[in-house]
Amino acid sequence: MAPAEPDDASDLHCRLDELLEARDMTLTRLSELVGVSLVNLSVLKNDRARAIRFSTLQAICRALDCEVGELLVLRPRGSSPT
């Protein structure tokens, strides 16, 4: 198996915007609920995160009442963000 290339993470898309909108919740409120800084959530929301702790992922999913697969999805390589 070849080593991962640095841009491999770009194929993973965070649907945080859509989930927040569907729940009529702000990023600020989510930050308060999960105890993660607004800056770090923004990095995640904009698909610039390189890593996420399982505890953070669990807290976000609990706060948004969603599954990990609803929050993080794989995009076909080379596709544009929606």
Protein backbone atom coordinates (compact mmCIF):
# COMPACT_ATOMS: atom_id res chain seq x y z
CA MET A 1 0.00 0.00 0.00
CA ALA A 2 1.40 3.40 -0.97
CA PRO A 3 1.82 6.06 1.71
CA ALA A 4 -0.93 8.64 1.94
CA GLU A 5 -0.36 11.80 -0.04
CA PRO A 6 -0.67 15.11 1.84
CA ASP A 7 -3.80 16.14 -0.03
CA ASP A 8 -5.71 12.88 0.59
CA ALA A 9 -7.74 14.55 3.37
CA SER A 10 -9.37 16.82 0.80
CA ASP A 11 -11.48 13.86 -0.35
CA LEU A 12 -13.15 13.84 3.06
CA HIS A 13 -15.89 16.45 3.34
CA CYS A 14 -17.38 17.73 6.59
CA ARG A 15 -21.11 18.46 6.31
CA LEU A 16 -21.16 20.64 9.43
CA ASP A 17 -22.79 23.60 7.64
CA GLU A 18 -25.68 21.50 6.37
CA LEU A 19 -26.25 19.80 9.72
CA LEU A 20 -26.18 23.09 11.62
CA GLU A 21 -28.63 24.66 9.19
CA ALA A 22 -30.99 21.68 9.40
CA ARG A 23 -30.99 22.02 13.19
CA ASP A 24 -31.22 25.81 13.21
CA MET A 25 -28.02 25.94 15.27
CA THR A 26 -25.08 28.33 15.02
CA LEU A 27 -21.43 27.36 15.04
CA THR A 28 -21.09 29.47 18.20
CA ARG A 29 -23.78 27.42 19.97
CA LEU A 30 -22.16 24.17 18.85
CA SER A 31 -18.85 25.43 20.21
CA GLU A 32 -20.48 26.07 23.59
CA LEU A 33 -22.13 22.63 23.63
CA VAL A 34 -19.04 20.61 22.72
CA GLY A 35 -16.32 22.68 24.38
CA VAL A 36 -14.32 23.16 21.17
CA SER A 37 -13.14 26.59 20.09
CA LEU A 38 -14.97 28.41 17.35
CA VAL A 39 -11.71 28.58 15.37
CA ASN A 40 -11.23 24.80 15.50
CA LEU A 41 -14.83 24.13 14.47
CA SER A 42 -14.44 26.60 11.62
CA VAL A 43 -11.33 24.75 10.41
CA LEU A 44 -13.32 21.51 10.46
CA LYS A 45 -16.33 23.09 8.76
CA ASN A 46 -14.19 24.46 5.94
CA ASP A 47 -12.52 21.08 5.25
CA ARG A 48 -9.12 22.30 6.40
CA ALA A 49 -8.75 19.99 9.41
CA ARG A 50 -6.03 17.36 9.20
CA ALA A 51 -7.18 15.42 12.26
CA ILE A 52 -10.02 15.24 14.75
CA ARG A 53 -10.09 13.59 18.15
CA PHE A 54 -12.61 10.80 18.61
CA SER A 55 -13.90 12.56 21.72
CA THR A 56 -14.54 15.74 19.67
CA LEU A 57 -16.24 13.74 16.93
CA GLN A 58 -18.46 12.03 19.52
CA ALA A 59 -19.34 15.34 21.18
CA ILE A 60 -20.28 16.95 17.84
CA CYS A 61 -22.40 13.96 16.85
CA ARG A 62 -24.15 13.99 20.24
CA ALA A 63 -24.86 17.72 20.03
CA LEU A 64 -26.18 17.44 16.46
CA ASP A 65 -27.95 14.11 17.07
CA CYS A 66 -26.26 12.55 14.05
CA GLU A 67 -24.02 9.67 13.08
CA VAL A 68 -20.38 10.09 12.06
CA GLY A 69 -21.32 9.12 8.48
CA GLU A 70 -23.74 12.04 8.31
CA LEU A 71 -21.05 14.48 9.42
CA LEU A 72 -18.08 13.19 7.42
CA VAL A 73 -18.51 11.91 3.87
CA LEU A 74 -16.11 10.89 1.12
CA ARG A 75 -16.24 12.91 -2.08
CA PRO A 76 -15.10 11.49 -5.38
CA ARG A 77 -11.53 12.61 -6.03
CA GLY A 78 -11.42 15.90 -7.88
CA SER A 79 -15.04 16.87 -7.24
CA SER A 80 -15.87 20.40 -6.13
CA PRO A 81 -17.41 21.18 -2.75
CA THR A 82 -21.19 21.54 -2.80
